[in-house]
Protein backbone atom coordinates (compact mmCIF):
# COMPACT_ATOMS: atom_id res chain seq x y z
CA UNK A 1 8.54 7.77 11.76
CA UNK A 2 6.46 5.28 13.20
CA UNK A 3 7.85 4.19 16.24
CA UNK A 4 6.17 0.71 16.34
CA UNK A 5 8.23 -0.57 13.19
CA UNK A 6 11.06 0.82 10.97
CA UNK A 7 8.48 0.86 7.79
CA UNK A 8 11.53 1.03 5.08
CA UNK A 9 13.47 -2.01 6.46
CA UNK A 10 9.85 -3.82 7.00
CA UNK A 11 8.58 -2.66 3.39
CA UNK A 12 12.36 -4.07 1.51
CA UNK A 13 11.93 -6.90 3.76
CA UNK A 14 8.92 -7.93 2.52
CA UNK A 15 9.64 -7.64 -1.02
CA UNK A 16 12.70 -8.88 -0.89
CA UNK A 17 11.52 -11.95 0.45
CA UNK A 18 8.72 -11.84 -2.08
CA UNK A 19 11.64 -11.32 -4.78
CA UNK A 20 8.36 -8.68 -5.62
CA UNK A 21 -14.94 14.74 -2.45
CA UNK A 22 -11.21 16.63 -2.88
CA UNK A 23 -9.19 17.44 -5.75
CA UNK A 24 -5.96 19.65 -5.26
CA UNK A 25 -7.90 22.44 -6.06
CA UNK A 26 -10.42 22.55 -3.95
CA UNK A 27 -8.00 22.21 -0.93
CA UNK A 28 -5.91 25.29 -2.20
CA UNK A 29 -8.47 27.47 -1.61
CA UNK A 30 -6.43 30.14 0.29
CA UNK A 31 -3.29 31.93 0.38
CA UNK A 32 -0.56 29.37 2.47
CA UNK A 33 2.03 30.24 4.56
CA UNK A 34 5.27 30.45 2.38
CA UNK A 35 9.27 31.37 3.34
CA UNK A 36 11.96 31.22 1.47
CA UNK A 37 15.83 29.22 2.38
CA UNK A 38 18.97 31.22 1.02
CA UNK A 39 21.95 29.85 2.57
CA UNK A 40 20.41 26.74 4.31
CA UNK A 41 18.37 29.16 6.18
CA UNK A 42 14.65 29.06 6.02
CA UNK A 43 13.26 32.82 6.60
CA UNK A 44 10.56 34.77 5.96
CA UNK A 45 9.30 36.03 2.45
CA UNK A 46 11.57 39.17 3.08
CA UNK A 47 14.26 36.61 2.77
CA UNK A 48 16.19 38.54 5.44
CA UNK A 49 18.89 35.42 5.98
CA UNK A 50 19.01 35.64 9.77
CA UNK A 51 18.94 32.74 12.12
CA UNK A 52 16.52 34.83 14.32
CA UNK A 53 13.61 35.03 11.64
CA UNK A 54 13.96 31.41 11.03
CA UNK A 55 13.22 30.91 14.56
CA UNK A 56 11.02 33.08 14.85
CA UNK A 57 9.17 31.49 11.60
CA UNK A 58 9.45 28.09 12.93
CA UNK A 59 8.14 28.71 16.52
CA UNK A 60 5.44 31.29 16.16
CA UNK A 61 3.63 30.31 12.29
CA UNK A 62 5.04 26.71 11.62
CA UNK A 63 4.64 24.90 14.24
CA UNK A 64 0.97 24.23 14.43
CA UNK A 65 0.91 23.80 10.75
CA UNK A 66 2.75 20.22 11.12
CA UNK A 67 0.75 18.06 13.63
CA UNK A 68 1.91 15.21 15.86
CA UNK A 69 -0.02 11.91 15.20
CA UNK A 70 -0.88 9.26 17.98
CA UNK A 71 -2.43 5.98 16.01
CA UNK A 72 -4.28 3.57 18.48
CA UNK A 73 -3.73 0.20 16.67
CA UNK A 74 -5.82 -2.98 16.35
CA UNK A 75 -3.48 -5.25 14.66
CA UNK A 76 -5.07 -8.00 12.20
CA UNK A 77 -3.97 -11.42 12.93
CA UNK A 78 -3.36 -13.19 9.91
CA UNK A 79 -3.36 -16.57 10.98
CA UNK A 80 -6.24 -16.81 13.31
CA UNK A 81 -8.65 -14.11 12.04
CA UNK A 82 -10.93 -14.86 14.51
CA UNK A 83 -8.85 -13.34 17.50
CA UNK A 84 -9.26 -10.25 19.05
CA UNK A 85 -6.64 -7.58 17.51
CA UNK A 86 -3.20 -6.90 19.00
CA UNK A 87 -3.25 -3.54 20.52
CA UNK A 88 -0.69 -0.49 20.13
CA UNK A 89 -0.07 2.66 19.77
CA UNK A 90 2.15 4.58 17.25
CA UNK A 91 3.68 8.08 16.54
CA UNK A 92 4.12 9.86 13.54
CA UNK A 93 3.70 13.64 11.70
CA UNK A 94 1.16 14.99 9.55
CA UNK A 95 0.74 18.42 8.19
CA UNK A 96 -2.36 20.87 7.11
CA UNK A 97 -3.03 20.98 3.43
CA UNK A 98 -6.26 23.33 3.76
CA UNK A 99 -7.78 25.63 5.86
CA UNK A 100 -11.12 23.56 6.45
CA UNK A 101 -8.91 20.73 8.35
CA UNK A 102 -7.56 18.44 6.15
CA UNK A 103 -4.35 16.91 6.84
CA UNK A 104 -1.56 14.68 4.72
CA UNK A 105 0.47 12.30 6.21
CA UNK A 106 1.75 8.10 5.41
CA UNK A 107 -0.48 5.38 5.30
CA UNK A 108 1.90 3.59 7.43
CA UNK A 109 1.54 6.02 10.44
CA UNK A 110 -2.48 4.86 10.50
CA UNK A 111 -2.46 1.25 9.38
CA UNK A 112 -4.91 -0.31 10.90
CA UNK A 113 -5.57 2.31 13.12
CA UNK A 114 -8.93 2.23 15.17
CA UNK A 115 -8.79 5.76 16.74
CA UNK A 116 -6.27 8.53 15.44
CA UNK A 117 -5.66 11.88 17.32
CA UNK A 118 -3.27 14.64 16.61
CA UNK A 119 -1.52 17.08 19.03
CA UNK A 120 -0.93 20.71 17.75
CA UNK A 121 2.08 22.53 19.54
CA UNK A 122 -0.13 25.65 20.86
CA UNK A 123 -3.34 23.51 22.06
CA UNK A 124 -0.86 22.01 24.57
CA UNK A 125 -1.08 18.24 25.75
CA UNK A 126 -5.06 18.05 24.67
CA UNK A 127 -5.54 15.31 21.64
CA UNK A 128 -7.95 15.99 19.03
CA UNK A 129 -9.75 13.05 17.16
CA UNK A 130 -9.47 12.88 13.31
CA UNK A 131 -10.70 10.50 10.52
CA UNK A 132 -9.33 8.61 7.70
CA UNK A 133 -10.66 10.13 4.55
CA UNK A 134 -8.71 7.77 1.80
CA UNK A 135 -5.47 5.98 1.97
CA UNK A 136 -3.14 4.97 -0.87
CA UNK A 137 -0.76 2.31 0.92
CA UNK A 138 0.98 1.56 -2.84
CA UNK A 139 2.30 5.47 -2.41
CA UNK A 140 2.05 5.48 1.13
CA UNK A 141 -0.21 8.39 1.49
CA UNK A 142 -3.18 8.97 3.63
CA UNK A 143 -5.81 11.77 3.83
CA UNK A 144 -7.45 12.81 7.27
CA UNK A 145 -9.56 15.30 8.54
CA UNK A 146 -10.33 16.76 12.12
CA UNK A 147 -13.61 15.65 13.18
CA UNK A 148 -16.36 18.22 12.89
CA UNK A 149 -17.36 17.93 16.53
CA UNK A 150 -13.40 18.91 17.29
CA UNK A 151 -12.65 21.29 14.61
CA UNK A 152 -14.29 24.30 16.35
CA UNK A 153 -12.64 23.68 20.06
CA UNK A 154 -9.03 23.53 18.37
CA UNK A 155 -9.82 26.58 16.41
CA UNK A 156 -10.98 28.33 19.74
CA UNK A 157 -7.99 26.95 21.69
CA UNK A 158 -5.56 28.28 18.56
CA UNK A 159 -7.34 31.77 18.70
CA UNK A 160 -7.90 31.29 14.73
CA UNK A 161 -10.41 31.34 12.36
CA UNK A 162 -8.58 29.22 9.69
CA UNK A 163 -5.85 26.49 9.92
CA UNK A 164 -2.72 27.64 8.32
CA UNK A 165 -1.51 25.34 5.63
CA UNK A 166 1.07 24.31 3.06
CA UNK A 167 0.85 24.88 -0.31
CA UNK A 168 1.93 21.65 -2.55
CA UNK A 169 5.04 22.61 -4.94
CA UNK A 170 6.04 21.03 -7.71
CA UNK A 171 8.29 17.89 -7.28
CA UNK A 172 9.24 17.61 -10.86
CA UNK A 173 10.74 21.15 -10.53
CA UNK A 174 13.23 19.81 -7.76
CA UNK A 175 16.99 19.83 -9.01
CA UNK A 176 19.82 17.77 -7.32
CA UNK A 177 21.98 19.47 -4.68
CA UNK A 178 18.70 21.58 -4.08
CA UNK A 179 18.32 22.75 -0.68
CA UNK A 180 14.71 21.22 1.43
CA UNK A 181 13.74 21.03 4.91
CA UNK A 182 12.26 18.19 6.62
CA UNK A 183 10.05 18.74 9.24
CA UNK A 184 8.36 16.53 11.85
CA UNK A 185 8.23 14.95 15.52
CA UNK A 186 11.17 12.17 15.46
CA UNK A 187 11.63 9.89 17.79
CA UNK A 188 8.14 10.55 19.51
CA UNK A 189 9.20 13.96 20.79
CA UNK A 190 6.62 16.49 21.31
CA UNK A 191 8.90 19.50 19.78
CA UNK A 192 8.43 20.39 16.30
CA UNK A 193 12.55 19.22 14.74
CA UNK A 194 13.42 20.78 11.41
CA UNK A 195 16.51 19.34 9.70
CA UNK A 196 18.18 20.75 6.48
CA UNK A 197 19.64 19.10 3.38
CA UNK A 198 19.92 18.63 0.19
CA UNK A 199 17.94 16.72 -2.78
CA UNK A 200 19.92 14.03 -3.62
CA UNK A 201 18.48 12.79 -6.80
CA UNK A 202 15.44 10.28 -7.48
CA UNK A 203 15.11 6.36 -6.96
CA UNK A 204 13.06 3.75 -7.95
CA UNK A 205 12.85 1.46 -4.50
CA UNK A 206 10.07 -0.95 -3.10
CA UNK A 207 7.54 -0.46 -6.25
CA UNK A 208 7.59 3.27 -5.74
CA UNK A 209 9.26 6.13 -6.93
CA UNK A 210 11.06 8.82 -4.32
CA UNK A 211 13.03 11.63 -4.00
CA UNK A 212 16.27 10.93 -1.51
CA UNK A 213 17.65 13.60 0.52
CA UNK A 214 20.47 14.00 3.02
CA UNK A 215 18.44 15.73 5.61
CA UNK A 216 18.39 13.10 8.70
CA UNK A 217 14.90 11.69 9.21
CA UNK A 218 14.13 9.28 12.09
CA UNK A 219 11.32 7.24 13.58
CA UNK A 220 8.23 10.07 14.04
CA UNK A 221 9.45 11.89 11.13
CA UNK A 222 7.14 9.89 8.93
CA UNK A 223 4.30 12.06 7.58
CA UNK A 224 5.81 15.30 8.01
CA UNK A 225 6.40 17.82 5.11
CA UNK A 226 10.00 18.33 3.05
CA UNK A 227 9.88 21.87 1.98
CA UNK A 228 11.48 23.48 -0.77
CA UNK A 229 13.00 27.31 -1.12
CA UNK A 230 9.97 28.65 -1.79
CA UNK A 231 8.33 26.97 1.31
CA UNK A 232 6.34 24.79 -0.56
CA UNK A 233 5.66 21.15 0.06
CA UNK A 234 7.88 19.20 -2.30
CA UNK A 235 7.37 15.81 -0.44
CA UNK A 236 6.00 13.61 2.09
CA UNK A 237 8.62 12.26 4.28
CA UNK A 238 8.31 8.38 4.60
CA UNK A 239 12.02 6.41 5.28
CA UNK A 240 15.08 6.23 5.95
CA UNK A 241 17.98 3.79 4.69
CA UNK A 242 18.78 1.00 7.91
CA UNK A 243 22.18 1.63 8.82
CA UNK A 244 23.24 4.18 6.22
CA UNK A 245 23.82 7.80 7.40
CA UNK A 246 21.98 10.89 5.52
CA UNK A 247 20.06 8.62 3.42
CA UNK A 248 16.19 9.39 3.42
CA UNK A 249 13.77 9.33 1.38
CA UNK A 250 10.11 11.23 0.50
CA UNK A 251 6.90 10.62 -1.30
CA UNK A 252 7.14 13.23 -4.04
CA UNK A 253 4.33 16.03 -3.65
CA UNK A 254 3.01 15.30 -7.19
CA UNK A 255 2.10 11.88 -6.04
CA UNK A 256 0.22 13.49 -3.19
CA UNK A 257 -1.72 15.46 -6.12
CA UNK A 258 -2.68 12.16 -8.04
CA UNK A 259 -3.84 10.66 -5.29
CA UNK A 260 -5.82 13.76 -4.06
CA UNK A 261 -7.41 13.76 -7.77
CA UNK A 262 -8.32 9.74 -7.79
CA UNK A 263 -9.58 10.22 -4.38
CA UNK A 264 -11.94 13.12 -5.63
CA UNK A 265 -13.04 11.05 -8.72
CA UNK A 266 -14.22 7.77 -6.49
CA UNK A 267 -18.09 7.46 -5.78
CA UNK A 268 -19.41 8.38 -2.84
CA UNK A 269 -20.34 5.63 -0.81
CA UNK A 270 -20.52 4.64 2.98
CA UNK A 271 -18.54 6.06 5.76
CA UNK A 272 -15.70 3.79 5.15
CA UNK A 273 -12.12 5.44 4.21
CA UNK A 274 -11.39 5.10 0.82
CA UNK A 275 -8.96 2.79 -0.65
CA UNK A 276 -7.07 4.12 -3.40
CA UNK A 277 -4.57 2.42 -6.15
CA UNK A 278 -1.87 3.46 -8.14
CA UNK A 279 -2.20 2.87 -11.73
CA UNK A 280 -0.91 0.09 -13.60
CA UNK A 281 -1.02 -1.69 -17.30
CA UNK A 282 -1.86 -4.91 -15.62
CA UNK A 283 1.22 -6.73 -17.54
CA UNK A 284 4.49 -9.15 -16.37
CA UNK A 285 7.31 -7.89 -17.67
CA UNK A 286 10.85 -9.29 -17.92
CA UNK A 287 14.54 -7.91 -18.84
CA UNK A 288 15.31 -8.64 -22.66
CA UNK A 289 18.71 -8.92 -23.97
CA UNK A 290 20.19 -8.88 -27.73
CA UNK A 291 20.15 -12.62 -28.25
CA UNK A 292 16.49 -12.41 -27.00
CA UNK A 293 15.63 -9.77 -29.59
CA UNK A 294 17.32 -11.12 -32.63
CA UNK A 295 15.33 -14.39 -31.92
CA UNK A 296 12.30 -12.85 -31.62
CA UNK A 297 13.38 -10.87 -35.05
CA UNK A 298 12.72 -7.27 -33.61
CA UNK A 299 15.25 -4.41 -34.17
CA UNK A 300 18.10 -3.94 -31.55
CA UNK A 301 18.57 -2.23 -29.27
CA UNK A 302 15.14 -3.97 -28.06
CA UNK A 303 12.67 -3.14 -25.79
CA UNK A 304 10.47 -4.48 -22.69
CA UNK A 305 9.89 -8.30 -23.07
CA UNK A 306 6.13 -9.05 -22.13
CA UNK A 307 5.94 -12.09 -20.25
CA UNK A 308 2.01 -12.23 -19.27
CA UNK A 309 -1.26 -9.88 -19.63
CA UNK A 310 -3.76 -9.99 -17.00
CA UNK A 311 -7.40 -10.54 -18.84
CA UNK A 312 -9.53 -7.80 -18.81
CA UNK A 313 -6.33 -5.40 -18.17
CA UNK A 314 -5.89 -1.71 -20.26
CA UNK A 315 -3.30 -3.75 -22.60
CA UNK A 316 -5.25 -6.78 -22.95
CA UNK A 317 -7.88 -5.04 -24.38
CA UNK A 318 -5.66 -3.44 -26.52
CA UNK A 319 -4.30 -6.51 -28.12
CA UNK A 320 -1.10 -7.02 -26.71
CA UNK A 321 -0.14 -10.77 -26.05
CA UNK A 322 2.64 -12.45 -24.49
CA UNK A 323 6.09 -12.52 -26.39
CA UNK A 324 5.38 -8.94 -27.63
CA UNK A 325 8.27 -6.50 -27.14
CA UNK A 326 7.18 -2.93 -26.12
CA UNK A 327 9.28 -0.11 -27.82
CA UNK A 328 7.39 3.42 -27.04
CA UNK A 329 4.89 4.22 -24.70
CA UNK A 330 3.45 8.07 -25.81
CA UNK A 331 6.31 8.53 -27.83
CA UNK A 332 8.84 7.67 -24.80
CA UNK A 333 11.32 4.92 -25.72
CA UNK A 334 11.24 1.95 -23.21
CA UNK A 335 14.60 -0.05 -22.77
CA UNK A 336 15.29 -3.27 -22.55
CA UNK A 337 14.96 -3.27 -18.61
CA UNK A 338 11.71 -0.99 -18.57
CA UNK A 339 13.24 2.17 -18.06
CA UNK A 340 12.82 5.50 -20.01
CA UNK A 341 13.44 8.77 -19.80
CA UNK A 342 10.50 11.49 -19.19
CA UNK A 343 9.71 15.26 -19.85
CA UNK A 344 10.04 15.94 -15.86
CA UNK A 345 12.49 12.80 -14.92
CA UNK A 346 15.22 15.43 -14.83
CA UNK A 347 17.45 13.43 -17.12
CA UNK A 348 17.28 10.35 -14.94
CA UNK A 349 15.95 7.19 -16.34
CA UNK A 350 12.51 6.14 -14.43
CA UNK A 351 11.05 2.87 -14.48
CA UNK A 352 7.72 2.22 -16.89
CA UNK A 353 6.03 1.62 -13.56
CA UNK A 354 6.13 4.58 -12.60
CA UNK A 355 5.65 6.22 -15.71
CA UNK A 356 2.13 4.38 -15.75
CA UNK A 357 1.09 5.78 -12.42
CA UNK A 358 0.94 8.91 -13.34
CA UNK A 359 -1.44 7.87 -16.03
CA UNK A 360 -5.11 9.20 -15.62
CA UNK A 361 -8.25 7.17 -16.53
CA UNK A 362 -9.39 8.31 -20.02
CA UNK A 363 -6.11 9.44 -21.03
CA UNK A 364 -4.67 8.87 -24.38
CA UNK A 365 -1.83 5.95 -24.56
CA UNK A 366 -0.14 4.85 -27.58
CA UNK A 367 2.09 1.78 -27.58
CA UNK A 368 4.44 0.68 -30.39
CA UNK A 369 5.65 -2.72 -30.10
CA UNK A 370 6.91 -5.40 -31.98
CA UNK A 371 5.49 -9.05 -32.71
CA UNK A 372 7.81 -11.44 -34.51
CA UNK A 373 9.75 -8.50 -36.21
CA UNK A 374 6.91 -7.01 -36.93
CA UNK A 375 6.15 -3.09 -35.50
CA UNK A 376 2.76 -2.66 -34.34
CA UNK A 377 1.20 0.50 -32.87
CA UNK A 378 -2.23 0.59 -30.52
CA UNK A 379 -4.21 3.34 -29.23
CA UNK A 380 -6.45 3.04 -26.35
CA UNK A 381 -8.10 5.50 -23.34
CA UNK A 382 -6.39 4.29 -20.26
CA UNK A 383 -8.26 2.51 -17.66
CA UNK A 384 -7.48 1.02 -14.09
CA UNK A 385 -6.80 -2.71 -14.22
CA UNK A 386 -8.44 -5.05 -11.82
CA UNK A 387 -6.22 -5.82 -8.94
CA UNK A 388 -4.81 -9.11 -9.03
CA UNK A 389 -6.55 -12.37 -6.54
CA UNK A 390 -3.68 -12.71 -5.01
CA UNK A 391 -2.03 -9.36 -3.70
CA UNK A 392 -1.28 -7.59 -0.47
CA UNK A 393 -4.86 -7.04 1.32
CA UNK A 394 -5.36 -4.05 3.55
CA UNK A 395 -7.30 -4.97 7.02
CA UNK A 396 -10.21 -2.06 7.60
CA UNK A 397 -10.48 -1.12 3.87
CA UNK A 398 -11.16 -4.62 2.31
CA UNK A 399 -13.15 -7.22 3.37
CA UNK A 400 -11.20 -10.40 4.81
CA UNK A 401 -13.21 -13.91 4.86
CA UNK A 402 -11.92 -17.13 6.37
CA UNK A 403 -13.50 -20.34 7.30
CA UNK A 404 -13.17 -22.99 10.09
CA UNK A 405 -13.63 -26.85 10.34
CA UNK A 406 -12.26 -29.66 12.03
CA UNK A 407 -9.73 -27.26 13.45
CA UNK A 408 -8.58 -25.67 10.01
CA UNK A 409 -8.78 -22.26 9.45
CA UNK A 410 -9.07 -21.62 5.67
CA UNK A 411 -8.43 -18.22 3.75
CA UNK A 412 -8.11 -16.80 0.22
CA UNK A 413 -4.19 -16.51 -0.44
CA UNK A 414 -2.96 -13.32 0.02
CA UNK A 415 0.36 -11.87 0.09
CA UNK A 416 0.21 -10.95 3.50
CA UNK A 417 0.45 -14.95 4.49
CA UNK A 418 3.20 -15.40 2.27
CA UNK A 419 5.60 -13.20 4.27
CA UNK A 420 4.10 -15.00 7.24
CA UNK A 421 4.08 -18.80 6.38
CA UNK A 422 6.99 -19.31 3.93
CA UNK A 423 9.10 -20.65 6.61
CA UNK A 424 6.55 -23.56 7.40
CA UNK A 425 6.09 -24.33 3.53
CA UNK A 426 8.66 -23.25 1.32
CA UNK A 427 6.38 -23.91 -1.97
CA UNK A 428 4.78 -20.32 -1.19
CA UNK A 429 8.38 -18.48 -2.48
CA UNK A 430 6.92 -19.59 -5.84
CA UNK A 431 4.05 -16.82 -5.02
CA UNK A 432 6.85 -14.36 -5.56
CA UNK A 433 6.73 -14.55 -8.95
CA UNK A 434 3.53 -12.03 -10.29
CA UNK A 435 2.49 -14.61 -12.72
CA UNK A 436 1.26 -16.78 -9.64
CA UNK A 437 -1.02 -14.07 -8.85
CA UNK A 438 -3.27 -14.47 -11.39
CA UNK A 439 -5.56 -17.15 -10.33
CA UNK A 440 -7.00 -17.12 -6.64
CA UNK A 441 -5.99 -20.13 -4.12
CA UNK A 442 -6.74 -21.24 -0.77
CA UNK A 443 -4.30 -21.84 1.97
CA UNK A 444 -4.74 -22.91 5.51
CA UNK A 445 -3.19 -20.48 7.76
CA UNK A 446 -3.75 -22.49 11.16
CA UNK A 447 -4.52 -25.76 12.61
CA UNK A 448 -5.82 -25.55 16.27
CA UNK A 449 -4.55 -27.80 19.31
CA UNK A 450 -6.36 -31.12 19.88
CA UNK A 451 -8.73 -30.66 16.74
CA UNK A 452 -9.42 -33.70 14.08
CA UNK A 453 -6.58 -32.06 11.29
CA UNK A 454 -4.25 -31.47 14.26
CA UNK A 455 -4.57 -35.21 15.20
CA UNK A 456 -4.36 -36.17 11.74
CA UNK A 457 -0.65 -35.07 11.71
CA UNK A 458 -0.49 -34.66 8.05
CA UNK A 459 -1.00 -30.81 7.33
CA UNK A 460 0.62 -27.99 8.54
CA UNK A 461 -0.12 -24.15 8.31
CA UNK A 462 0.92 -22.74 4.70
CA UNK A 463 -0.46 -25.74 3.23
CA UNK A 464 -1.93 -24.41 -0.32
CA UNK A 465 -5.39 -26.47 -1.19
CA UNK A 466 -5.84 -27.78 -4.50
CA UNK A 467 -8.76 -30.03 -3.78
CA UNK A 468 -11.71 -30.18 -1.31
CA UNK A 469 -13.99 -33.83 -1.58
CA UNK A 470 -12.23 -34.70 -4.99
CA UNK A 471 -13.30 -31.21 -6.33
CA UNK A 472 -10.94 -28.56 -7.53
CA UNK A 473 -11.08 -25.23 -5.36
CA UNK A 474 -9.88 -21.79 -5.86
CA UNK A 475 -11.94 -19.30 -3.46
CA UNK A 476 -13.82 -19.67 -0.27
CA UNK A 477 -17.20 -19.56 -2.56
CA UNK A 478 -15.74 -23.14 -4.31
CA UNK A 479 -15.09 -24.30 -0.87
CA UNK A 480 -18.94 -23.61 0.32
CA UNK A 481 -20.12 -25.25 -2.77
CA UNK A 482 -18.79 -28.74 -2.44
CA UNK A 483 -18.93 -28.71 1.36
CA UNK A 484 -21.76 -30.84 1.52
CA UNK A 485 -20.51 -33.46 -0.23
CA UNK A 486 -18.91 -34.95 2.61
CA UNK A 487 -22.29 -35.85 3.68
CA UNK A 488 -22.34 -38.55 0.87
CA UNK A 489 -18.87 -40.32 1.96
CA UNK A 490 -18.88 -39.43 5.32
CA UNK A 491 -15.57 -37.88 5.06
CA UNK A 492 -14.36 -34.45 4.34
CA UNK A 493 -11.17 -34.20 2.09
CA UNK A 494 -8.20 -31.88 1.41
CA UNK A 495 -5.72 -32.25 -1.35
CA UNK A 496 -2.59 -29.75 -1.27
CA UNK A 497 -0.61 -28.33 -4.16
CA UNK A 498 2.09 -31.17 -3.05
CA UNK A 499 -0.62 -33.81 -3.69
CA UNK A 500 -0.64 -34.47 0.36
CA UNK A 501 -3.95 -36.04 0.92
CA UNK A 502 -6.09 -35.43 4.23
CA UNK A 503 -8.90 -37.54 4.93
CA UNK A 504 -10.83 -36.55 8.28
CA UNK A 505 -14.22 -38.26 9.36
CA UNK A 506 -17.16 -36.15 9.05
CA UNK A 507 -18.49 -37.36 12.58
CA UNK A 508 -15.43 -36.39 14.33
CA UNK A 509 -15.61 -33.14 12.74
CA UNK A 510 -19.10 -32.28 13.64
CA UNK A 511 -18.48 -33.74 17.21
CA UNK A 512 -15.88 -31.61 18.14
CA UNK A 513 -16.64 -28.18 16.84
CA UNK A 514 -18.80 -26.93 19.05
CA UNK A 515 -16.13 -27.65 21.49
CA UNK A 516 -13.42 -25.97 19.50
CA UNK A 517 -15.27 -23.14 19.06
CA UNK A 518 -16.03 -22.41 22.63
CA UNK A 519 -12.18 -22.73 23.62
CA UNK A 520 -10.99 -20.43 20.28
CA UNK A 521 -13.82 -17.98 20.68
CA UNK A 522 -14.91 -18.11 16.97
CA UNK A 523 -18.55 -18.40 15.59
CA UNK A 524 -19.36 -21.24 13.44
CA UNK A 525 -19.53 -20.20 9.76
CA UNK A 526 -23.40 -20.33 8.00
CA UNK A 527 -22.11 -22.85 5.61
CA UNK A 528 -20.80 -25.16 8.50
CA UNK A 529 -24.05 -24.63 10.47
CA UNK A 530 -26.19 -25.72 6.63
CA UNK A 531 -23.96 -28.63 6.85
CA UNK A 532 -24.53 -29.60 10.22
CA UNK A 533 -28.28 -29.12 9.88
CA UNK A 534 -28.00 -31.85 6.29
CA UNK A 535 -25.94 -34.09 8.36
CA UNK A 536 -28.72 -34.44 11.20
CA UNK A 537 -31.64 -34.53 8.57
CA UNK A 538 -30.19 -37.61 7.23
CA UNK A 539 -29.25 -39.43 9.82
């Protein structure tokens, strides 16, 4: 797992604080490495149950299929976005999934990485640079590829024509107590390690569906493969449960296949890595109970209660409304907690979120729901819902804007900010409620020392803005549209959602901005320069 942070603890702490052109067929183009496991020993295809065979297989054939990843990270500053990013290096694991040099790893292993290198055991300490082709932070997956300029050198060093790689298995077929082996480079060690274990079950946790195993995973294992008794990959190592022993989690390999399929279907564009999102319906759910079901006039035992619908989402277009109750999706019954059985869930209930994440764009979807006691059925073609304005944003894959004025740093509110600034403004905890994610908002992320805003002593970082210059604002474009109103009054005013009014002298702002820009090394924005020019023309 990544040495820089404990990813599992980091992910859970965020969510708890909120109370919140490749297809798989193209990739699997030649016969991969296979093996088998018998009595907890992985051996060659003839399945001679000897530890010597396992050691030979691991040492001579498997070791160059799993590589160590070194990510050189430039961490974005969410409070002072103009600052140079903090630098760090983290390590993880990855594995080849085709003969051409494509590798799979976790998104968190390469998160905010500016340069990524791999180290292959048989190539010694030399590192080879790779590119990020696409990432899916919600599934915690990333597709890498060795740079074209490095491929031939690596093949020559390894004395190979094509890269050995793993075949992707079928995680739906995995049974409880089935034996597996996790591979990777724990604790940043440079030798490939293997850990035996069994499948404990399946778990929905932190918004993602995982397979739980009892193989010991450690920092540095993230991104490595877990293989089954046939030698096929059934999951990608991702997390440990902090404080627990022999509890590890892997991303099911079928989620990897869906990630690759989505990546393949995305339009070609610039050379930036592609950002993939899990499919979702665009709806806010709540648990129900017998009393609510009876009150609505719906039949017991009830279904999943709809709190709100995102505008233009698939369910919005299908005609569902708040206070509807969903009983079935594609003929699979949904209970009052939003859980259901699926053909592939092996007798375990899964979240409707996990079921929807498997839907494909264009797939037929049938919803049976009740509205005030009347049964209704709607059918539609599944499409990806737009992401809500207030959400987690991923630096390096998405554009991030900000404005500065009078010592204030103003940005579109994201869940990244909520985690960092809730200690200064407890009101931000309200944004743990997904209903609050539907409308954009602006937030003050920093107040520069000795600035007009700082000297006012009326506003703090974490303040959510409701008005600027007497006009309601939700976006930076709204801010830019009303900025010049300050010229007419001579004042720049901000009103927060807590009804705090901040009044700054426009003249004082203009007199100080150049000095602040030089001191804190941020550029004057185009809207501010236009304000300055218009003010000078009015004088």
